[in-house]
Protein backbone atom coordinates (compact mmCIF):
# COMPACT_ATOMS: atom_id res chain seq x y z
CA MET A 1 23.11 6.99 -2.98
CA SER A 2 22.50 4.00 -5.15
CA MET A 3 19.15 2.64 -6.24
CA LYS A 4 17.67 -0.20 -4.22
CA GLN A 5 14.78 -2.55 -4.86
CA TRP A 6 11.86 -2.21 -2.44
CA ASN A 7 9.04 -4.70 -1.88
CA VAL A 8 5.55 -3.20 -1.83
CA ARG A 9 2.93 -4.82 0.44
CA VAL A 10 -0.66 -3.92 1.26
CA GLU A 11 -2.69 -4.89 4.32
CA ARG A 12 -5.58 -7.13 3.24
CA GLY A 13 -7.68 -9.24 5.56
CA GLY A 14 -5.19 -8.81 8.38
CA GLU A 15 -2.25 -10.02 6.26
CA ALA A 16 0.51 -8.30 4.32
CA VAL A 17 0.15 -9.11 0.60
CA HIS A 18 3.11 -8.55 -1.75
CA ILE A 19 1.99 -6.69 -4.88
CA GLY A 20 5.31 -5.84 -6.52
CA GLN A 21 8.57 -3.93 -6.34
CA VAL A 22 9.88 -0.44 -7.05
CA ALA A 23 13.44 0.90 -7.38
CA GLU A 24 14.42 4.02 -5.42
CA THR A 25 17.18 5.41 -3.22
CA THR A 26 15.24 6.01 0.01
CA GLU A 27 12.17 4.64 1.77
CA ALA A 28 10.30 7.92 1.36
CA LEU A 29 10.91 7.93 -2.39
CA ALA A 30 10.01 4.23 -2.58
CA ARG A 31 6.62 5.01 -0.96
CA CYS A 32 6.04 7.74 -3.56
CA ALA A 33 7.06 5.37 -6.37
CA ALA A 34 4.74 2.66 -5.01
CA LEU A 35 1.78 5.05 -5.01
CA SER A 36 2.66 6.26 -8.47
CA ARG A 37 2.89 2.74 -9.89
CA TYR A 38 0.23 0.86 -7.90
CA GLY A 39 -2.10 3.51 -6.42
CA VAL A 40 -5.67 3.84 -7.68
CA SER A 41 -8.21 6.54 -6.88
CA GLU A 42 -11.80 6.22 -5.67
CA ASP A 43 -12.92 7.42 -9.11
CA GLU A 44 -11.02 4.64 -10.86
CA VAL A 45 -12.51 2.03 -8.53
CA GLU A 46 -16.06 3.38 -8.97
CA ALA A 47 -15.65 3.49 -12.76
CA GLY A 48 -14.89 -0.22 -12.70
CA GLY A 49 -11.62 0.05 -14.58
CA VAL A 50 -9.68 -1.68 -11.82
CA ARG A 51 -9.86 -5.37 -10.93
CA PRO A 52 -11.08 -5.82 -7.33
CA ARG A 53 -8.15 -6.25 -4.95
CA GLY A 54 -5.60 -6.88 -7.68
CA GLU A 55 -2.04 -5.60 -7.84
CA ALA A 56 -2.93 -2.13 -6.67
CA ILE A 57 -3.00 0.08 -3.59
CA TYR A 58 -6.63 0.97 -3.00
CA PRO A 59 -7.69 4.17 -1.19
CA ASP A 60 -8.81 2.27 1.92
CA GLU A 61 -5.61 0.18 2.27
CA ALA A 62 -2.50 0.69 4.35
CA PHE A 63 0.74 -0.15 2.56
CA GLU A 64 4.40 -0.47 3.34
CA VAL A 65 7.71 -0.73 1.53
CA SER A 66 10.73 -2.71 2.71
CA PRO A 67 14.15 -3.34 1.19
CA ALA A 68 14.23 -6.39 -1.07
CA LEU A 69 16.85 -8.92 -0.06
């Protein structure tokens, strides 16, 4: 299988917001890559080291990946 680009979107305020892309071979691996690159923990949020609702997947957000065109 060849690598593909995947768009990463989070659900914010009832809308899907594009936060970036990852490269992987399958959707499952793209979800893992998205969490690895953009995921933040509750501890990081509480410590204040993360900009509110920036380019990140926050613990309370649903996210999805889809093939980039």
